[in-house]
Amino acid sequence: MTNLAIPHPYHLDNWQKSLSDLITNPNELIAIAKLDPKNSRFSKLATQIFPLKVPRQFAALIRPGDWDDPILAQILPKVDENSHSTSHSHDPLKEAQFTPETGLLHKYKNRVLLITAPHCAVNCRYCFRRHYDYQTNSPSQIEWEQTFDYIHRNKDIEEVIFSGGDPLALSDRRLAWLINQVEGISHVATLRIHTRLPIVIPQRITKEILEKFKNSKLKIVLVTHCNHANELTKITEHAFAKLHKAGVLLLNQSVLLANINDKSSTLAALSKKLFSQNILPYYLHMPDAVQGTQHFAVTEHKAKEIMEELRGLLSGYLVPTLVREDPGAPSKTRV
C-alpha cells in the first residue's frame, strides 16, 4: 500500500530545491527503492538516449523491492527501450509540420500550443516528446514576440495551451510574464496548462501562482498527468485543494500503459482517487508510437475491452474518453 504522506526531508518548503535535486543516477534510484541489483532491468544505453530524471519525493512512493511497481515502471530506463520498431518513429505526431513559429504548434483551428519550457521535473519513459529538439524550438525573446503576434493576427484562436517540457518548471515570474502576454490578446478566453509538477513536486503550487490564476481574466484550466492512483498523496490533495479554491478547473489525462494501468480495476481506482482530489478524468490516451516506447503499447482491441469494463464500474462523469492522436486530424480521434 502506498504511503499517504511522503517521508521527510524532500525540500517540501522549496520546490526549486526539489527541482534541482533530482535523482539522475539509476544506481541511486535502485538503492533508494531497495531493489535487488541482481534482478536489474536497467539499461545504460537507454539513459544515454533519454536520461533518468525523477524528484526524490516521487521516487519515495515506489514500493520497496518491487521491480514491477507502477511508478518505477514509468521512470526507470529499461532494456526494452533499446529495441527498434519500424512502426515507431521519433516524431509520430508530425509536430514539425504544424509549427508556423518557433515553439508554437497550430494543429487545431481554434487553439494553439506553446512549448513554454524545454524540460520537465521527471522524464517519463513513454514521453511522446522524448526525441523533441528543444534546443531548436525554444523561442528567444524576439521569437516569443513573433509567436504572440501570430496569435494576435489569428482571430479564430480562442484557447492557448502551455505545454513543454512542463510549464510549471518555469519560475513564477516567467510564468506570469507568459500569462500576461496571453491576457493581452482580446480574442483568447481560455488558458490551458498541461503539467505533471503538482503530481511529482506538489509544493510547486505557490501562493504567487495561485494569486495569478485567481486574478486572471482568463478561464484557467489545469490538466494534470497522472497514470496510477499510487501517484496521489495527501500532499497532492492539499495542492489541488488550493488550485480548486482559486477557481482553476482541474482535469486529468492519462496514458494507457501495458503492465502499469491496463486493467479496468486500476483505472477505476485512479478515477476515484482523482475525483477525491477535485480532478475530473478527461482523456485516456493510446500510447503514441514513439521510438523506444514499444513495450508500453496496448492494442486498441484490449483498450476497448478495458473501457467497456470501466463503464460498468464507474459513474459516467468518472470515465475518461479513450483517444488517440492522428497527424493532420482536426481533433483527437475517439477510439
C-alpha atoms as a PDB file:
ATOM      1  CA  MET A   1       0.000   0.000   0.000  1.00  0.00           C
ATOM      2  CA  THR A   2       1.311   3.467  -0.886  1.00  0.00           C
ATOM      3  CA  ASN A   3       2.222   5.891   1.887  1.00  0.00           C
ATOM      4  CA  LEU A   4      -0.235   8.782   2.109  1.00  0.00           C
ATOM      5  CA  ALA A   5       2.455  11.110   3.392  1.00  0.00           C
ATOM      6  CA  ILE A   6       5.917  11.494   1.912  1.00  0.00           C
ATOM      7  CA  PRO A   7       8.888  10.952   4.256  1.00  0.00           C
ATOM      8  CA  HIS A   8      10.957  13.987   5.198  1.00  0.00           C
ATOM      9  CA  PRO A   9      13.241  15.580   4.085  1.00  0.00           C
ATOM     10  CA  TYR A  10      12.316  16.314   0.468  1.00  0.00           C
ATOM     11  CA  HIS A  11      12.570  20.126   0.355  1.00  0.00           C
ATOM     12  CA  LEU A  12       8.826  20.333   0.964  1.00  0.00           C
ATOM     13  CA  ASP A  13       9.151  24.054   1.669  1.00  0.00           C
ATOM     14  CA  ASN A  14      11.048  24.837  -1.544  1.00  0.00           C
ATOM     15  CA  TRP A  15      10.025  23.459  -4.916  1.00  0.00           C
ATOM     16  CA  GLN A  16      13.105  24.899  -6.655  1.00  0.00           C
ATOM     17  CA  LYS A  17      15.376  22.830  -4.410  1.00  0.00           C
ATOM     18  CA  SER A  18      13.370  19.723  -5.231  1.00  0.00           C
ATOM     19  CA  LEU A  19      13.672  20.529  -8.927  1.00  0.00           C
ATOM     20  CA  SER A  20      17.445  20.985  -8.667  1.00  0.00           C
ATOM     21  CA  ASP A  21      17.985  17.869  -6.522  1.00  0.00           C
ATOM     22  CA  LEU A  22      16.568  15.219  -8.838  1.00  0.00           C
ATOM     23  CA  ILE A  23      17.661  11.598  -8.973  1.00  0.00           C
ATOM     24  CA  THR A  24      19.611  11.156 -12.214  1.00  0.00           C
ATOM     25  CA  ASN A  25      21.759   8.134 -11.330  1.00  0.00           C
ATOM     26  CA  PRO A  26      19.986   4.795 -11.917  1.00  0.00           C
ATOM     27  CA  ASN A  27      22.074   3.086  -9.234  1.00  0.00           C
ATOM     28  CA  GLU A  28      20.865   5.651  -6.701  1.00  0.00           C
ATOM     29  CA  LEU A  29      17.250   5.040  -7.709  1.00  0.00           C
ATOM     30  CA  ILE A  30      17.732   1.276  -7.384  1.00  0.00           C
ATOM     31  CA  ALA A  31      19.247   1.756  -3.917  1.00  0.00           C
ATOM     32  CA  ILE A  32      16.530   4.163  -2.737  1.00  0.00           C
ATOM     33  CA  ALA A  33      13.811   1.779  -3.923  1.00  0.00           C
ATOM     34  CA  LYS A  34      15.599  -1.118  -2.173  1.00  0.00           C
ATOM     35  CA  LEU A  35      15.665  -3.141  -5.367  1.00  0.00           C
ATOM     36  CA  ASP A  36      17.823  -6.233  -5.806  1.00  0.00           C
ATOM     37  CA  PRO A  37      20.516  -5.280  -8.375  1.00  0.00           C
ATOM     38  CA  LYS A  38      20.774  -8.934  -9.410  1.00  0.00           C
ATOM     39  CA  ASN A  39      17.334  -8.635 -10.983  1.00  0.00           C
ATOM     40  CA  SER A  40      18.095  -5.293 -12.609  1.00  0.00           C
ATOM     41  CA  ARG A  41      16.206  -4.363 -15.769  1.00  0.00           C
ATOM     42  CA  PHE A  42      18.077  -1.062 -16.105  1.00  0.00           C
ATOM     43  CA  SER A  43      19.733  -0.082 -19.401  1.00  0.00           C
ATOM     44  CA  LYS A  44      22.687   2.301 -19.555  1.00  0.00           C
ATOM     45  CA  LEU A  45      22.132   2.767 -23.291  1.00  0.00           C
ATOM     46  CA  ALA A  46      18.544   3.876 -22.676  1.00  0.00           C
ATOM     47  CA  THR A  47      19.762   6.609 -20.299  1.00  0.00           C
ATOM     48  CA  GLN A  48      22.126   7.916 -22.960  1.00  0.00           C
ATOM     49  CA  ILE A  49      19.212   8.357 -25.356  1.00  0.00           C
ATOM     50  CA  PHE A  50      16.763   9.707 -22.757  1.00  0.00           C
ATOM     51  CA  PRO A  51      18.268  10.357 -19.295  1.00  0.00           C
ATOM     52  CA  LEU A  52      16.787   9.309 -15.990  1.00  0.00           C
ATOM     53  CA  LYS A  53      15.257  12.203 -14.072  1.00  0.00           C
ATOM     54  CA  VAL A  54      12.864  11.951 -11.122  1.00  0.00           C
ATOM     55  CA  PRO A  55      12.113  14.006  -7.974  1.00  0.00           C
ATOM     56  CA  ARG A  56      13.118  12.293  -4.738  1.00  0.00           C
ATOM     57  CA  GLN A  57       9.695  12.635  -3.162  1.00  0.00           C
ATOM     58  CA  PHE A  58       8.077  10.954  -6.174  1.00  0.00           C
ATOM     59  CA  ALA A  59      10.620   8.125  -6.069  1.00  0.00           C
ATOM     60  CA  ALA A  60       9.759   7.673  -2.379  1.00  0.00           C
ATOM     61  CA  LEU A  61       6.345   6.387  -3.463  1.00  0.00           C
ATOM     62  CA  ILE A  62       7.865   3.316  -5.139  1.00  0.00           C
ATOM     63  CA  ARG A  63       7.079   0.117  -3.254  1.00  0.00           C
ATOM     64  CA  PRO A  64      10.395  -1.073  -1.747  1.00  0.00           C
ATOM     65  CA  GLY A  65      11.895  -4.062  -3.516  1.00  0.00           C
ATOM     66  CA  ASP A  66       9.234  -4.216  -6.246  1.00  0.00           C
ATOM     67  CA  TRP A  67      10.643  -4.193  -9.778  1.00  0.00           C
ATOM     68  CA  ASP A  68       7.046  -4.202 -11.087  1.00  0.00           C
ATOM     69  CA  ASP A  69       5.958  -1.107  -9.173  1.00  0.00           C
ATOM     70  CA  PRO A  70       3.779   1.101 -11.445  1.00  0.00           C
ATOM     71  CA  ILE A  71       5.679   4.284 -10.602  1.00  0.00           C
ATOM     72  CA  LEU A  72       9.089   2.668 -11.125  1.00  0.00           C
ATOM     73  CA  ALA A  73       7.922   1.285 -14.472  1.00  0.00           C
ATOM     74  CA  GLN A  74       7.206   4.835 -15.692  1.00  0.00           C
ATOM     75  CA  ILE A  75      10.621   6.274 -14.836  1.00  0.00           C
ATOM     76  CA  LEU A  76      13.331   3.574 -14.976  1.00  0.00           C
ATOM     77  CA  PRO A  77      15.284   3.317 -18.270  1.00  0.00           C
ATOM     78  CA  LYS A  78      14.943  -0.321 -19.351  1.00  0.00           C
ATOM     79  CA  VAL A  79      16.487  -2.679 -21.881  1.00  0.00           C
ATOM     80  CA  ASP A  80      13.098  -2.769 -23.641  1.00  0.00           C
ATOM     81  CA  GLU A  81      13.721   0.774 -24.898  1.00  0.00           C
ATOM     82  CA  ASN A  82      16.690  -0.348 -26.990  1.00  0.00           C
ATOM     83  CA  SER A  83      14.710  -2.430 -29.475  1.00  0.00           C
ATOM     84  CA  HIS A  84      13.869  -0.804 -32.804  1.00  0.00           C
ATOM     85  CA  SER A  85      10.379  -0.906 -34.269  1.00  0.00           C
ATOM     86  CA  THR A  86       9.532   0.006 -37.855  1.00  0.00           C
ATOM     87  CA  SER A  87       6.059   1.073 -36.670  1.00  0.00           C
ATOM     88  CA  HIS A  88       7.535   3.672 -34.297  1.00  0.00           C
ATOM     89  CA  SER A  89       9.365   6.927 -35.066  1.00  0.00           C
ATOM     90  CA  HIS A  90      10.938   9.964 -33.395  1.00  0.00           C
ATOM     91  CA  ASP A  91       8.011  12.234 -34.354  1.00  0.00           C
ATOM     92  CA  PRO A  92       4.888  10.079 -34.802  1.00  0.00           C
ATOM     93  CA  LEU A  93       2.564  13.084 -34.475  1.00  0.00           C
ATOM     94  CA  LYS A  94       4.423  15.026 -37.212  1.00  0.00           C
ATOM     95  CA  GLU A  95       4.552  18.082 -34.960  1.00  0.00           C
ATOM     96  CA  ALA A  96       7.217  19.725 -37.106  1.00  0.00           C
ATOM     97  CA  GLN A  97       4.577  20.155 -39.838  1.00  0.00           C
ATOM     98  CA  PHE A  98       2.382  22.284 -37.577  1.00  0.00           C
ATOM     99  CA  THR A  99       4.948  24.787 -36.292  1.00  0.00           C
ATOM    100  CA  PRO A 100       4.453  28.172 -38.015  1.00  0.00           C
ATOM    101  CA  GLU A 101       6.508  29.931 -35.319  1.00  0.00           C
ATOM    102  CA  THR A 102       9.295  28.698 -33.067  1.00  0.00           C
ATOM    103  CA  GLY A 103       7.807  26.747 -30.166  1.00  0.00           C
ATOM    104  CA  LEU A 104       4.207  27.156 -31.414  1.00  0.00           C
ATOM    105  CA  LEU A 105       2.067  24.267 -32.647  1.00  0.00           C
ATOM    106  CA  HIS A 106      -1.136  25.097 -34.523  1.00  0.00           C
ATOM    107  CA  LYS A 107      -2.784  21.755 -35.242  1.00  0.00           C
ATOM    108  CA  TYR A 108      -6.385  22.692 -34.469  1.00  0.00           C
ATOM    109  CA  LYS A 109      -8.249  25.756 -35.760  1.00  0.00           C
ATOM    110  CA  ASN A 110      -9.313  27.456 -32.512  1.00  0.00           C
ATOM    111  CA  ARG A 111      -6.329  26.697 -30.265  1.00  0.00           C
ATOM    112  CA  VAL A 112      -2.559  26.756 -30.268  1.00  0.00           C
ATOM    113  CA  LEU A 113       0.025  25.021 -28.113  1.00  0.00           C
ATOM    114  CA  LEU A 114       3.173  26.741 -26.873  1.00  0.00           C
ATOM    115  CA  ILE A 115       6.346  24.895 -25.888  1.00  0.00           C
ATOM    116  CA  THR A 116       6.947  27.112 -22.867  1.00  0.00           C
ATOM    117  CA  ALA A 117       9.698  25.119 -21.147  1.00  0.00           C
ATOM    118  CA  PRO A 118      12.375  22.781 -22.519  1.00  0.00           C
ATOM    119  CA  HIS A 119      12.452  20.484 -19.504  1.00  0.00           C
ATOM    120  CA  CYS A 120      10.325  18.548 -17.018  1.00  0.00           C
ATOM    121  CA  ALA A 121      10.776  17.521 -13.402  1.00  0.00           C
ATOM    122  CA  VAL A 122      10.511  13.867 -14.414  1.00  0.00           C
ATOM    123  CA  ASN A 123      11.402  12.039 -17.602  1.00  0.00           C
ATOM    124  CA  CYS A 124       8.514   9.667 -18.233  1.00  0.00           C
ATOM    125  CA  ARG A 125       9.808   6.779 -20.319  1.00  0.00           C
ATOM    126  CA  TYR A 126       6.738   6.776 -22.626  1.00  0.00           C
ATOM    127  CA  CYS A 127       7.036  10.523 -23.384  1.00  0.00           C
ATOM    128  CA  PHE A 128       5.972  11.353 -26.941  1.00  0.00           C
ATOM    129  CA  ARG A 129       8.454  14.256 -26.983  1.00  0.00           C
ATOM    130  CA  ARG A 130      11.436  12.237 -25.764  1.00  0.00           C
ATOM    131  CA  HIS A 131      13.180  12.937 -29.102  1.00  0.00           C
ATOM    132  CA  TYR A 132      11.922  16.529 -29.460  1.00  0.00           C
ATOM    133  CA  ASP A 133      14.557  19.115 -30.403  1.00  0.00           C
ATOM    134  CA  TYR A 134      14.002  21.590 -27.572  1.00  0.00           C
ATOM    135  CA  GLN A 135      17.201  23.479 -28.363  1.00  0.00           C
ATOM    136  CA  THR A 136      15.928  24.445 -31.811  1.00  0.00           C
ATOM    137  CA  ASN A 137      12.355  25.014 -30.653  1.00  0.00           C
ATOM    138  CA  SER A 138      12.978  27.130 -27.543  1.00  0.00           C
ATOM    139  CA  PRO A 139      11.998  30.684 -28.552  1.00  0.00           C
ATOM    140  CA  SER A 140      14.255  33.673 -27.988  1.00  0.00           C
ATOM    141  CA  GLN A 141      12.660  36.864 -26.682  1.00  0.00           C
ATOM    142  CA  ILE A 142      12.225  38.164 -30.234  1.00  0.00           C
ATOM    143  CA  GLU A 143      10.697  34.853 -31.294  1.00  0.00           C
ATOM    144  CA  TRP A 144       8.274  34.995 -28.349  1.00  0.00           C
ATOM    145  CA  GLU A 145       7.116  38.376 -29.615  1.00  0.00           C
ATOM    146  CA  GLN A 146       6.585  36.854 -33.066  1.00  0.00           C
ATOM    147  CA  THR A 147       4.671  33.957 -31.501  1.00  0.00           C
ATOM    148  CA  PHE A 148       2.258  36.226 -29.652  1.00  0.00           C
ATOM    149  CA  ASP A 149       1.898  38.410 -32.733  1.00  0.00           C
ATOM    150  CA  TYR A 150       0.854  35.265 -34.636  1.00  0.00           C
ATOM    151  CA  ILE A 151      -1.873  34.629 -32.055  1.00  0.00           C
ATOM    152  CA  HIS A 152      -2.973  38.293 -32.233  1.00  0.00           C
ATOM    153  CA  ARG A 153      -3.352  38.015 -36.012  1.00  0.00           C
ATOM    154  CA  ASN A 154      -5.289  34.741 -35.958  1.00  0.00           C
ATOM    155  CA  LYS A 155      -8.672  35.753 -34.567  1.00  0.00           C
ATOM    156  CA  ASP A 156     -10.019  32.182 -34.606  1.00  0.00           C
ATOM    157  CA  ILE A 157      -7.714  31.238 -31.729  1.00  0.00           C
ATOM    158  CA  GLU A 158      -9.785  31.120 -28.539  1.00  0.00           C
ATOM    159  CA  GLU A 159      -7.566  28.964 -26.363  1.00  0.00           C
ATOM    160  CA  VAL A 160      -3.832  28.913 -25.677  1.00  0.00           C
ATOM    161  CA  ILE A 161      -2.210  25.779 -24.270  1.00  0.00           C
ATOM    162  CA  PHE A 162       1.009  25.907 -22.259  1.00  0.00           C
ATOM    163  CA  SER A 163       2.989  22.711 -22.694  1.00  0.00           C
ATOM    164  CA  GLY A 164       6.610  21.679 -22.862  1.00  0.00           C
ATOM    165  CA  GLY A 165       8.506  20.202 -21.173  1.00  0.00           C
ATOM    166  CA  ASP A 166       6.477  21.325 -18.202  1.00  0.00           C
ATOM    167  CA  PRO A 167       5.226  24.928 -17.952  1.00  0.00           C
ATOM    168  CA  LEU A 168       5.302  24.803 -14.148  1.00  0.00           C
ATOM    169  CA  ALA A 169       9.027  24.078 -14.262  1.00  0.00           C
ATOM    170  CA  LEU A 170       9.324  27.793 -15.080  1.00  0.00           C
ATOM    171  CA  SER A 171       9.717  30.367 -12.330  1.00  0.00           C
ATOM    172  CA  ASP A 172       6.619  32.187 -11.077  1.00  0.00           C
ATOM    173  CA  ARG A 173       7.956  35.366 -12.662  1.00  0.00           C
ATOM    174  CA  ARG A 174       8.470  33.802 -16.094  1.00  0.00           C
ATOM    175  CA  LEU A 175       5.126  32.032 -15.976  1.00  0.00           C
ATOM    176  CA  ALA A 176       3.390  35.280 -15.015  1.00  0.00           C
ATOM    177  CA  TRP A 177       5.017  37.038 -17.978  1.00  0.00           C
ATOM    178  CA  LEU A 178       3.699  34.399 -20.374  1.00  0.00           C
ATOM    179  CA  ILE A 179       0.217  34.594 -18.863  1.00  0.00           C
ATOM    180  CA  ASN A 180       0.286  38.385 -19.169  1.00  0.00           C
ATOM    181  CA  GLN A 181       1.011  38.093 -22.895  1.00  0.00           C
ATOM    182  CA  VAL A 182      -1.987  35.803 -23.387  1.00  0.00           C
ATOM    183  CA  GLU A 183      -4.220  38.077 -21.306  1.00  0.00           C
ATOM    184  CA  GLY A 184      -3.355  40.896 -23.694  1.00  0.00           C
ATOM    185  CA  ILE A 185      -4.990  39.081 -26.625  1.00  0.00           C
ATOM    186  CA  SER A 186      -8.677  40.003 -26.641  1.00  0.00           C
ATOM    187  CA  HIS A 187      -9.997  37.001 -28.569  1.00  0.00           C
ATOM    188  CA  VAL A 188      -8.352  34.410 -26.274  1.00  0.00           C
ATOM    189  CA  ALA A 189     -10.681  33.342 -23.453  1.00  0.00           C
ATOM    190  CA  THR A 190      -9.059  30.205 -22.060  1.00  0.00           C
ATOM    191  CA  LEU A 191      -5.585  29.272 -20.893  1.00  0.00           C
ATOM    192  CA  ARG A 192      -4.916  25.566 -20.541  1.00  0.00           C
ATOM    193  CA  ILE A 193      -1.801  24.356 -18.732  1.00  0.00           C
ATOM    194  CA  HIS A 194      -0.568  20.790 -19.133  1.00  0.00           C
ATOM    195  CA  THR A 195       1.627  19.785 -16.215  1.00  0.00           C
ATOM    196  CA  ARG A 196       2.935  16.916 -14.130  1.00  0.00           C
ATOM    197  CA  LEU A 197       4.537  19.148 -11.458  1.00  0.00           C
ATOM    198  CA  PRO A 198       1.603  19.103  -8.992  1.00  0.00           C
ATOM    199  CA  ILE A 199       1.889  15.303  -9.012  1.00  0.00           C
ATOM    200  CA  VAL A 200       5.660  14.917  -8.688  1.00  0.00           C
ATOM    201  CA  ILE A 201       6.511  18.144  -6.781  1.00  0.00           C
ATOM    202  CA  PRO A 202       3.198  19.310  -5.254  1.00  0.00           C
ATOM    203  CA  GLN A 203       4.798  22.222  -3.387  1.00  0.00           C
ATOM    204  CA  ARG A 204       5.186  23.886  -6.815  1.00  0.00           C
ATOM    205  CA  ILE A 205       1.712  25.336  -6.213  1.00  0.00           C
ATOM    206  CA  THR A 206       2.839  28.538  -4.510  1.00  0.00           C
ATOM    207  CA  LYS A 207       0.870  31.497  -3.160  1.00  0.00           C
ATOM    208  CA  GLU A 208       2.164  33.575  -6.050  1.00  0.00           C
ATOM    209  CA  ILE A 209       0.954  31.213  -8.736  1.00  0.00           C
ATOM    210  CA  LEU A 210      -2.414  30.804  -7.020  1.00  0.00           C
ATOM    211  CA  GLU A 211      -2.892  34.576  -6.925  1.00  0.00           C
ATOM    212  CA  LYS A 212      -2.020  34.832 -10.606  1.00  0.00           C
ATOM    213  CA  PHE A 213      -4.542  32.148 -11.533  1.00  0.00           C
ATOM    214  CA  LYS A 214      -7.245  33.564  -9.253  1.00  0.00           C
ATOM    215  CA  ASN A 215      -6.962  37.105 -10.601  1.00  0.00           C
ATOM    216  CA  SER A 216      -6.558  36.264 -14.280  1.00  0.00           C
ATOM    217  CA  LYS A 217      -9.188  37.457 -16.769  1.00  0.00           C
ATOM    218  CA  LEU A 218      -8.742  34.096 -18.495  1.00  0.00           C
ATOM    219  CA  LYS A 219     -10.511  30.871 -17.639  1.00  0.00           C
ATOM    220  CA  ILE A 220      -7.665  28.740 -16.273  1.00  0.00           C
ATOM    221  CA  VAL A 221      -7.771  25.008 -16.975  1.00  0.00           C
ATOM    222  CA  LEU A 222      -5.034  22.851 -15.466  1.00  0.00           C
ATOM    223  CA  VAL A 223      -4.644  19.394 -16.973  1.00  0.00           C
ATOM    224  CA  THR A 224      -2.638  17.119 -14.731  1.00  0.00           C
ATOM    225  CA  HIS A 225      -0.904  13.994 -15.938  1.00  0.00           C
ATOM    226  CA  CYS A 226      -1.423  11.060 -13.598  1.00  0.00           C
ATOM    227  CA  ASN A 227      -1.450   7.406 -14.627  1.00  0.00           C
ATOM    228  CA  HIS A 228      -1.900   5.487 -11.375  1.00  0.00           C
ATOM    229  CA  ALA A 229      -3.646   6.077  -8.047  1.00  0.00           C
ATOM    230  CA  ASN A 230      -0.352   5.469  -6.205  1.00  0.00           C
ATOM    231  CA  GLU A 231       0.878   8.837  -7.511  1.00  0.00           C
ATOM    232  CA  LEU A 232      -1.728  10.726  -5.471  1.00  0.00           C
ATOM    233  CA  THR A 233      -0.956  11.512  -1.814  1.00  0.00           C
ATOM    234  CA  LYS A 234      -2.146  13.759   0.992  1.00  0.00           C
ATOM    235  CA  ILE A 235       0.337  16.341  -0.268  1.00  0.00           C
ATOM    236  CA  THR A 236      -1.067  16.348  -3.817  1.00  0.00           C
ATOM    237  CA  GLU A 237      -4.551  16.546  -2.307  1.00  0.00           C
ATOM    238  CA  HIS A 238      -3.556  19.730  -0.477  1.00  0.00           C
ATOM    239  CA  ALA A 239      -2.082  21.257  -3.657  1.00  0.00           C
ATOM    240  CA  PHE A 240      -5.175  20.501  -5.726  1.00  0.00           C
ATOM    241  CA  ALA A 241      -7.474  21.813  -2.994  1.00  0.00           C
ATOM    242  CA  LYS A 242      -5.706  25.170  -3.230  1.00  0.00           C
ATOM    243  CA  LEU A 243      -5.995  25.224  -7.017  1.00  0.00           C
ATOM    244  CA  HIS A 244      -9.689  24.316  -6.813  1.00  0.00           C
ATOM    245  CA  LYS A 245     -10.284  27.101  -4.295  1.00  0.00           C
ATOM    246  CA  ALA A 246      -8.563  29.546  -6.671  1.00  0.00           C
ATOM    247  CA  GLY A 247     -11.163  28.732  -9.336  1.00  0.00           C
ATOM    248  CA  VAL A 248      -8.955  26.558 -11.533  1.00  0.00           C
ATOM    249  CA  LEU A 249     -10.731  23.806 -13.484  1.00  0.00           C
ATOM    250  CA  LEU A 250      -8.816  20.576 -12.800  1.00  0.00           C
ATOM    251  CA  LEU A 251      -8.758  17.791 -15.376  1.00  0.00           C
ATOM    252  CA  ASN A 252      -6.520  14.764 -15.802  1.00  0.00           C
ATOM    253  CA  GLN A 253      -5.189  12.922 -18.783  1.00  0.00           C
ATOM    254  CA  SER A 254      -3.560   9.519 -18.568  1.00  0.00           C
ATOM    255  CA  VAL A 255      -1.750   7.260 -20.985  1.00  0.00           C
ATOM    256  CA  LEU A 256      -2.859   3.638 -21.238  1.00  0.00           C
ATOM    257  CA  LEU A 257       0.345   1.737 -20.463  1.00  0.00           C
ATOM    258  CA  ALA A 258       0.948  -2.004 -20.628  1.00  0.00           C
ATOM    259  CA  ASN A 259       1.612  -3.599 -17.228  1.00  0.00           C
ATOM    260  CA  ILE A 260       1.060  -0.272 -15.446  1.00  0.00           C
ATOM    261  CA  ASN A 261      -2.604   0.700 -15.733  1.00  0.00           C
ATOM    262  CA  ASP A 262      -4.068  -1.558 -18.430  1.00  0.00           C
ATOM    263  CA  LYS A 263      -6.751  -3.022 -16.154  1.00  0.00           C
ATOM    264  CA  SER A 264     -10.233  -1.641 -15.582  1.00  0.00           C
ATOM    265  CA  SER A 265      -9.854  -2.004 -11.807  1.00  0.00           C
ATOM    266  CA  THR A 266      -6.639   0.042 -11.859  1.00  0.00           C
ATOM    267  CA  LEU A 267      -8.215   2.807 -13.929  1.00  0.00           C
ATOM    268  CA  ALA A 268     -11.339   2.816 -11.758  1.00  0.00           C
ATOM    269  CA  ALA A 269      -9.192   3.291  -8.654  1.00  0.00           C
ATOM    270  CA  LEU A 270      -7.385   6.152 -10.406  1.00  0.00           C
ATOM    271  CA  SER A 271     -10.618   7.924 -11.395  1.00  0.00           C
ATOM    272  CA  LYS A 272     -11.999   7.668  -7.867  1.00  0.00           C
ATOM    273  CA  LYS A 273      -8.777   8.964  -6.329  1.00  0.00           C
ATOM    274  CA  LEU A 274      -8.625  11.839  -8.812  1.00  0.00           C
ATOM    275  CA  PHE A 275     -12.214  12.822  -8.064  1.00  0.00           C
ATOM    276  CA  SER A 276     -11.487  12.779  -4.321  1.00  0.00           C
ATOM    277  CA  GLN A 277      -8.853  15.446  -5.059  1.00  0.00           C
ATOM    278  CA  ASN A 278     -11.205  17.655  -7.136  1.00  0.00           C
ATOM    279  CA  ILE A 279      -9.937  16.385 -10.503  1.00  0.00           C
ATOM    280  CA  LEU A 280     -12.143  15.057 -13.301  1.00  0.00           C
ATOM    281  CA  PRO A 281     -10.809  12.336 -15.626  1.00  0.00           C
ATOM    282  CA  TYR A 282     -10.517  13.872 -19.100  1.00  0.00           C
ATOM    283  CA  TYR A 283      -8.604  11.760 -21.613  1.00  0.00           C
ATOM    284  CA  LEU A 284      -7.103   8.293 -21.613  1.00  0.00           C
ATOM    285  CA  HIS A 285      -4.579   8.305 -24.440  1.00  0.00           C
ATOM    286  CA  MET A 286      -3.468   5.372 -26.504  1.00  0.00           C
ATOM    287  CA  PRO A 287       0.357   5.424 -26.366  1.00  0.00           C
ATOM    288  CA  ASP A 288       1.907   7.336 -29.252  1.00  0.00           C
ATOM    289  CA  ALA A 289       4.187   5.275 -31.500  1.00  0.00           C
ATOM    290  CA  VAL A 290       7.423   6.888 -30.302  1.00  0.00           C
ATOM    291  CA  GLN A 291      10.672   5.034 -30.880  1.00  0.00           C
ATOM    292  CA  GLY A 292      11.796   3.443 -27.611  1.00  0.00           C
ATOM    293  CA  THR A 293       8.312   3.061 -26.123  1.00  0.00           C
ATOM    294  CA  GLN A 294       7.140  -0.098 -27.884  1.00  0.00           C
ATOM    295  CA  HIS A 295       6.899  -2.099 -24.642  1.00  0.00           C
ATOM    296  CA  PHE A 296       4.177   0.247 -23.335  1.00  0.00           C
ATOM    297  CA  ALA A 297       1.859  -0.452 -26.290  1.00  0.00           C
ATOM    298  CA  VAL A 298      -1.695  -1.688 -25.723  1.00  0.00           C
ATOM    299  CA  THR A 299      -3.818  -2.877 -28.647  1.00  0.00           C
ATOM    300  CA  GLU A 300      -6.982  -0.956 -29.490  1.00  0.00           C
ATOM    301  CA  HIS A 301      -8.955  -4.176 -29.078  1.00  0.00           C
ATOM    302  CA  LYS A 302      -7.757  -4.577 -25.499  1.00  0.00           C
ATOM    303  CA  ALA A 303      -8.251  -0.857 -24.822  1.00  0.00           C
ATOM    304  CA  LYS A 304     -11.892  -1.074 -25.926  1.00  0.00           C
ATOM    305  CA  GLU A 305     -12.462  -4.098 -23.694  1.00  0.00           C
ATOM    306  CA  ILE A 306     -10.985  -2.226 -20.732  1.00  0.00           C
ATOM    307  CA  MET A 307     -13.223   0.773 -21.411  1.00  0.00           C
ATOM    308  CA  GLU A 308     -16.321  -1.409 -21.625  1.00  0.00           C
ATOM    309  CA  GLU A 309     -15.487  -2.881 -18.218  1.00  0.00           C
ATOM    310  CA  LEU A 310     -14.682   0.571 -16.832  1.00  0.00           C
ATOM    311  CA  ARG A 311     -18.105   1.921 -17.788  1.00  0.00           C
ATOM    312  CA  GLY A 312     -19.614  -0.816 -15.655  1.00  0.00           C
ATOM    313  CA  LEU A 313     -17.525   0.202 -12.644  1.00  0.00           C
ATOM    314  CA  LEU A 314     -17.905   3.989 -12.639  1.00  0.00           C
ATOM    315  CA  SER A 315     -20.431   6.785 -12.976  1.00  0.00           C
ATOM    316  CA  GLY A 316     -20.276   8.318 -16.439  1.00  0.00           C
ATOM    317  CA  TYR A 317     -18.534  11.513 -15.320  1.00  0.00           C
ATOM    318  CA  LEU A 318     -15.621   9.464 -13.958  1.00  0.00           C
ATOM    319  CA  VAL A 319     -14.961   7.619 -17.216  1.00  0.00           C
ATOM    320  CA  PRO A 320     -12.228   9.292 -19.299  1.00  0.00           C
ATOM    321  CA  THR A 321     -12.557   9.465 -23.074  1.00  0.00           C
ATOM    322  CA  LEU A 322     -10.288   6.977 -24.840  1.00  0.00           C
ATOM    323  CA  VAL A 323      -8.472   8.753 -27.681  1.00  0.00           C
ATOM    324  CA  ARG A 324      -5.509   8.582 -29.986  1.00  0.00           C
ATOM    325  CA  GLU A 325      -3.748  11.306 -31.945  1.00  0.00           C
ATOM    326  CA  ASP A 326      -3.630  11.044 -35.715  1.00  0.00           C
ATOM    327  CA  PRO A 327      -1.345  13.503 -37.553  1.00  0.00           C
ATOM    328  CA  GLY A 328      -3.377  16.008 -39.547  1.00  0.00           C
ATOM    329  CA  ALA A 329      -6.725  15.101 -37.961  1.00  0.00           C
ATOM    330  CA  PRO A 330      -8.908  18.105 -36.982  1.00  0.00           C
ATOM    331  CA  SER A 331      -9.138  16.805 -33.399  1.00  0.00           C
ATOM    332  CA  LYS A 332      -8.180  13.838 -31.264  1.00  0.00           C
ATOM    333  CA  THR A 333      -9.712  10.610 -32.552  1.00  0.00           C
ATOM    334  CA  ARG A 334     -12.054   8.720 -30.242  1.00  0.00           C
ATOM    335  CA  VAL A 335     -11.266   5.031 -30.054  1.00  0.00           C
END
